[in-house]
């Protein structure tokens, strides 16, 4: 069964978001904790907390920038990038 992924509430604590840019199929998973934060598993929106700012493999730089802005707009406590270690500061999320 196919269904839209964007804004799909898997459980009350887990939200799926379409976040294309690195590839057209990328999604992010937002997880609500008891503190109402949204730590995220971000698929290829950022390599690690220090960048690189430009993704050399991005299928769409514009979509990547939009997806990064969308994630930053959630004000997550943790970012878990597709590459690298988790980091706490949204301010360190590379946004083009």
Protein backbone atom coordinates (compact mmCIF):
# COMPACT_ATOMS: atom_id res chain seq x y z
CA UNK A 1 0.00 0.00 0.00
CA UNK A 2 1.37 3.39 -0.93
CA UNK A 3 0.56 6.56 0.98
CA UNK A 4 2.08 10.01 1.26
CA UNK A 5 5.03 10.07 3.63
CA UNK A 6 5.07 13.76 4.46
CA UNK A 7 3.56 14.56 7.85
CA UNK A 8 2.66 10.88 8.34
CA UNK A 9 2.13 10.28 12.05
CA UNK A 10 3.50 6.77 12.57
CA UNK A 11 2.75 6.91 16.30
CA UNK A 12 1.90 9.86 18.60
CA UNK A 13 5.65 10.23 19.19
CA UNK A 14 6.97 9.58 15.66
CA UNK A 15 6.42 11.83 12.65
CA UNK A 16 7.74 11.19 9.13
CA UNK A 17 8.73 14.16 6.96
CA UNK A 18 9.70 14.21 3.31
CA UNK A 19 13.01 16.05 3.12
CA UNK A 20 14.33 15.77 -0.43
CA UNK A 21 17.55 17.34 -1.58
CA UNK A 22 20.32 14.81 -1.18
CA UNK A 23 18.04 12.44 -3.08
CA UNK A 24 14.38 12.78 -4.01
CA UNK A 25 13.44 9.90 -1.68
CA UNK A 26 14.95 11.17 1.58
CA UNK A 27 12.79 11.34 4.66
CA UNK A 28 13.46 12.49 8.21
CA UNK A 29 12.02 11.02 11.36
CA UNK A 30 10.97 13.40 14.13
CA UNK A 31 10.64 11.87 17.58
CA UNK A 32 8.71 13.58 20.36
CA UNK A 33 10.12 13.00 23.84
CA UNK A 34 8.60 13.65 27.24
CA UNK A 35 10.04 17.18 27.04
CA UNK A 36 8.09 17.80 23.80
CA UNK A 37 11.31 18.11 21.80
CA UNK A 38 11.71 16.73 18.30
CA UNK A 39 15.11 15.02 18.11
CA UNK A 40 15.54 14.04 14.49
CA UNK A 41 17.14 11.34 12.45
CA UNK A 42 18.00 13.43 9.44
CA UNK A 43 18.77 11.49 6.28
CA UNK A 44 21.55 13.25 4.42
CA UNK A 45 20.48 16.83 5.16
CA UNK A 46 23.77 17.36 6.90
CA UNK A 47 26.95 15.34 6.90
CA UNK A 48 27.95 16.31 10.44
CA UNK A 49 27.76 19.34 12.72
CA UNK A 50 30.53 21.17 10.85
CA UNK A 51 29.17 20.60 7.35
CA UNK A 52 30.08 20.59 4.58
CA UNK A 53 27.62 23.33 3.79
CA UNK A 54 27.34 22.23 0.17
CA UNK A 55 26.41 18.60 -0.44
CA UNK A 56 28.51 17.46 -3.41
CA UNK A 57 26.00 14.67 -4.12
CA UNK A 58 22.77 16.68 -3.80
CA UNK A 59 20.17 15.99 -6.46
CA UNK A 60 18.71 19.47 -5.84
CA UNK A 61 20.49 22.24 -3.93
CA UNK A 62 17.25 24.25 -3.70
CA UNK A 63 15.27 21.33 -2.25
CA UNK A 64 18.09 20.55 0.17
CA UNK A 65 18.04 24.15 1.44
CA UNK A 66 14.24 24.03 1.84
CA UNK A 67 14.43 20.73 3.70
CA UNK A 68 17.14 22.02 6.03
CA UNK A 69 15.07 25.12 6.80
CA UNK A 70 12.07 22.92 7.53
CA UNK A 71 14.04 20.84 10.03
CA UNK A 72 15.55 23.89 11.72
CA UNK A 73 12.01 25.31 11.98
CA UNK A 74 11.05 22.38 14.22
CA UNK A 75 13.70 23.56 16.70
CA UNK A 76 14.90 20.06 17.56
CA UNK A 77 17.06 19.44 20.59
CA UNK A 78 19.20 16.87 18.76
CA UNK A 79 20.19 16.42 15.13
CA UNK A 80 21.28 12.94 14.11
CA UNK A 81 22.80 13.31 10.64
CA UNK A 82 23.14 10.61 8.02
CA UNK A 83 26.91 10.86 8.46
CA UNK A 84 28.73 11.79 11.64
CA UNK A 85 27.82 11.98 15.29
CA UNK A 86 24.62 13.43 16.79
CA UNK A 87 24.85 17.05 17.89
CA UNK A 88 22.75 19.28 20.12
CA UNK A 89 22.76 22.70 18.55
CA UNK A 90 20.35 23.54 15.74
CA UNK A 91 22.52 26.58 15.12
CA UNK A 92 25.16 24.17 13.80
CA UNK A 93 22.83 22.62 11.21
CA UNK A 94 24.30 23.65 7.86
CA UNK A 95 21.70 25.68 5.99
CA UNK A 96 22.38 26.96 2.49
